[in-house]
Amino acid sequence: MLKNHIRKKIIKLREVKNKKNLQVKINLISKILKSKNKILGGYFPVNCEADTFQLMRVLKQKKFKLSLPVVSSKFDMNFYLWNFNDPLNVNKYGIPEPQLKKKVIPDVLLVPMVAYDDKLNRLGYGGGYYDRFLKKHEKKNIIKIGLAISCQEVKRLPTNSFDKKMDFILTEKKLYK
């Protein structure tokens, strides 16, 4: 399958590239998110994904509330409020998740990706968790920001009707909108 080939190729490339300084991302995302007291849906970076923690720390200082996803066994995902001092549990995929305290729907969602193109399409790991979450909460108008490293860009991604486009894709070099 074409998507699986792209996944394998980009994950390997991403693993060997050094992550760039997130200062460029922080500057760019600060321009997008001028409001305060919003809920930010972050993620715990794994497999050499673009790091969210520096960005989340800055946005916390700008009065954003933080949340992280929790995956259920039904291919469902929800977000729960979280702070840096809160304990985390490790899920079946080896990803740290917050304890189930207060479920929230983020106003702004940082989305991990394996690959992206300049049309704001993203390729995830194939589980569809983010696409289903976004479909379920379409009426909320969540701002979707894909985080990536520039080496993850491909010329064109194959897409289908289930794939949700990002509003922005942010790399260490560029903001796509």
Protein backbone atom coordinates (compact mmCIF):
# COMPACT_ATOMS: atom_id res chain seq x y z
CA MET A 1 0.00 0.00 0.00
CA LEU A 2 1.20 3.47 -0.84
CA LYS A 3 0.35 4.91 2.60
CA ASN A 4 2.33 2.16 4.39
CA HIS A 5 5.33 2.74 2.12
CA ILE A 6 5.26 6.49 2.89
CA ARG A 7 4.91 5.78 6.62
CA LYS A 8 7.96 3.51 6.72
CA LYS A 9 10.10 5.82 4.61
CA ILE A 10 9.31 9.00 6.53
CA ILE A 11 9.59 7.45 10.00
CA LYS A 12 13.09 6.21 9.14
CA LEU A 13 14.07 9.60 7.76
CA ARG A 14 12.62 11.38 10.78
CA GLU A 15 14.57 9.14 13.15
CA VAL A 16 17.94 10.03 11.62
CA LYS A 17 17.35 13.77 11.35
CA ASN A 18 18.16 15.96 14.31
CA LYS A 19 15.25 17.86 15.73
CA LYS A 20 15.61 21.59 15.17
CA ASN A 21 15.13 24.23 17.83
CA LEU A 22 11.45 24.82 18.57
CA GLN A 23 11.87 28.58 18.87
CA VAL A 24 10.69 29.03 15.29
CA LYS A 25 7.56 27.02 16.08
CA ILE A 26 6.91 28.99 19.25
CA ASN A 27 7.17 32.30 17.39
CA LEU A 28 4.89 31.14 14.60
CA ILE A 29 2.27 29.53 16.80
CA SER A 30 2.15 32.60 19.03
CA LYS A 31 1.01 34.59 15.99
CA ILE A 32 -1.81 32.10 15.37
CA LEU A 33 -2.99 31.79 18.96
CA LYS A 34 -3.44 35.25 20.39
CA SER A 35 -6.33 34.41 22.68
CA LYS A 36 -6.00 33.25 26.27
CA ASN A 37 -7.88 30.79 28.47
CA LYS A 38 -8.26 28.30 25.65
CA ILE A 39 -7.82 24.56 26.00
CA LEU A 40 -4.83 23.17 24.12
CA GLY A 41 -4.88 19.52 23.11
CA GLY A 42 -1.28 18.37 23.02
CA TYR A 43 0.31 14.96 22.72
CA PHE A 44 3.17 13.09 24.32
CA PRO A 45 5.83 12.80 21.56
CA VAL A 46 7.05 9.28 20.76
CA ASN A 47 8.98 7.72 17.87
CA CYS A 48 10.98 10.92 17.25
CA GLU A 49 7.82 12.99 16.69
CA ALA A 50 8.00 16.77 16.75
CA ASP A 51 8.39 17.74 20.40
CA THR A 52 5.36 19.43 21.94
CA PHE A 53 6.57 20.08 25.47
CA GLN A 54 8.51 23.28 24.89
CA LEU A 55 5.56 24.63 22.96
CA MET A 56 3.08 23.53 25.61
CA ARG A 57 5.15 25.20 28.35
CA VAL A 58 5.09 28.51 26.48
CA LEU A 59 1.35 28.29 25.82
CA LYS A 60 0.72 27.40 29.49
CA GLN A 61 2.48 30.68 30.38
CA LYS A 62 0.09 32.40 27.96
CA LYS A 63 -2.81 31.08 30.05
CA PHE A 64 -3.75 28.06 27.94
CA LYS A 65 -5.14 25.04 29.78
CA LEU A 66 -3.35 21.84 28.73
CA SER A 67 -4.86 18.50 27.85
CA LEU A 68 -3.55 15.19 26.53
CA PRO A 69 -5.34 12.36 24.74
CA VAL A 70 -6.41 9.06 26.20
CA VAL A 71 -7.12 6.21 23.78
CA SER A 72 -9.83 3.67 24.53
CA SER A 73 -10.02 0.13 23.24
CA LYS A 74 -12.82 1.11 20.82
CA PHE A 75 -10.52 3.18 18.60
CA ASP A 76 -11.88 6.21 20.41
CA MET A 77 -9.85 9.08 21.84
CA ASN A 78 -10.74 11.80 24.33
CA PHE A 79 -8.75 14.61 25.91
CA TYR A 80 -8.30 15.20 29.63
CA LEU A 81 -6.93 18.22 31.46
CA TRP A 82 -3.30 17.78 32.42
CA ASN A 83 -0.41 19.74 33.95
CA PHE A 84 3.30 19.01 33.84
CA ASN A 85 3.34 17.79 37.47
CA ASP A 86 0.43 15.38 36.98
CA PRO A 87 1.19 11.65 36.84
CA LEU A 88 0.85 9.75 33.57
CA ASN A 89 -0.16 6.18 32.77
CA VAL A 90 1.32 4.26 29.85
CA ASN A 91 -1.23 2.89 27.37
CA LYS A 92 -1.08 -0.30 25.30
CA TYR A 93 0.93 1.51 22.59
CA GLY A 94 3.56 2.65 25.09
CA ILE A 95 2.34 6.26 25.04
CA PRO A 96 1.98 8.16 28.32
CA GLU A 97 -1.56 9.40 29.00
CA PRO A 98 -3.07 11.56 31.76
CA GLN A 99 -5.22 10.04 34.45
CA LEU A 100 -8.94 10.37 33.77
CA LYS A 101 -9.87 13.50 35.67
CA LYS A 102 -11.76 16.06 33.62
CA LYS A 103 -12.67 15.32 30.01
CA VAL A 104 -12.46 18.37 27.72
CA ILE A 105 -12.74 19.27 24.06
CA PRO A 106 -9.70 21.32 23.03
CA ASP A 107 -10.09 24.67 21.27
CA VAL A 108 -6.69 24.14 19.65
CA LEU A 109 -5.30 20.71 18.79
CA LEU A 110 -1.64 19.89 18.17
CA VAL A 111 -1.64 16.88 15.89
CA PRO A 112 1.27 14.45 15.42
CA MET A 113 2.00 13.15 11.94
CA VAL A 114 4.18 10.78 10.02
CA ALA A 115 4.10 12.83 6.82
CA TYR A 116 2.40 15.90 5.34
CA ASP A 117 2.07 17.78 2.08
CA ASP A 118 1.72 21.49 1.30
CA LYS A 119 -2.06 21.08 0.83
CA LEU A 120 -2.37 20.58 4.63
CA ASN A 121 -2.95 16.84 4.37
CA ARG A 122 -1.43 14.63 7.04
CA LEU A 123 -0.56 10.98 7.26
CA GLY A 124 -0.84 9.46 10.71
CA TYR A 125 0.03 6.00 11.93
CA GLY A 126 -3.09 4.45 10.41
CA GLY A 127 -5.36 4.08 13.46
CA GLY A 128 -7.61 7.02 12.57
CA TYR A 129 -7.85 8.27 16.16
CA TYR A 130 -7.39 11.95 15.32
CA ASP A 131 -9.62 11.80 12.24
CA ARG A 132 -12.44 10.19 14.25
CA PHE A 133 -12.00 12.66 17.13
CA LEU A 134 -12.18 15.61 14.73
CA LYS A 135 -15.21 14.16 12.93
CA LYS A 136 -16.99 13.64 16.26
CA HIS A 137 -16.35 17.29 17.25
CA GLU A 138 -16.72 19.03 13.87
CA LYS A 139 -19.21 21.57 15.26
CA LYS A 140 -16.66 22.81 17.81
CA ASN A 141 -14.45 24.24 15.02
CA ILE A 142 -11.22 23.08 16.65
CA ILE A 143 -8.09 24.76 15.28
CA LYS A 144 -5.97 21.89 13.97
CA ILE A 145 -2.20 22.43 13.95
CA GLY A 146 -0.11 19.59 12.61
CA LEU A 147 3.41 19.51 14.07
CA ALA A 148 6.18 18.05 11.98
CA ILE A 149 9.85 18.17 11.13
CA SER A 150 10.56 19.48 7.64
CA CYS A 151 12.02 16.14 6.50
CA GLN A 152 8.50 14.65 6.84
CA GLU A 153 7.17 16.61 3.84
CA VAL A 154 6.18 14.63 0.76
CA LYS A 155 5.10 15.99 -2.59
CA ARG A 156 1.57 14.63 -2.46
CA LEU A 157 -0.26 12.39 0.00
CA PRO A 158 -3.01 10.03 -1.04
CA THR A 159 -6.19 10.92 0.86
CA ASN A 160 -9.69 9.57 1.34
CA SER A 161 -12.99 10.90 2.68
CA PHE A 162 -12.03 10.04 6.30
CA ASP A 163 -8.82 12.12 6.29
CA LYS A 164 -9.10 15.51 8.01
CA LYS A 165 -7.00 18.39 6.71
CA MET A 166 -5.08 20.56 9.11
CA ASP A 167 -5.69 24.30 9.42
CA PHE A 168 -1.95 24.79 9.79
CA ILE A 169 1.15 22.63 9.61
CA LEU A 170 4.11 23.88 11.56
CA THR A 171 7.70 22.75 11.09
CA GLU A 172 10.98 24.14 12.37
CA LYS A 173 11.29 26.02 9.07
CA LYS A 174 7.83 27.03 7.95
CA LEU A 175 4.17 27.58 8.71
CA TYR A 176 1.80 26.14 6.11
CA LYS A 177 -1.69 27.64 6.03
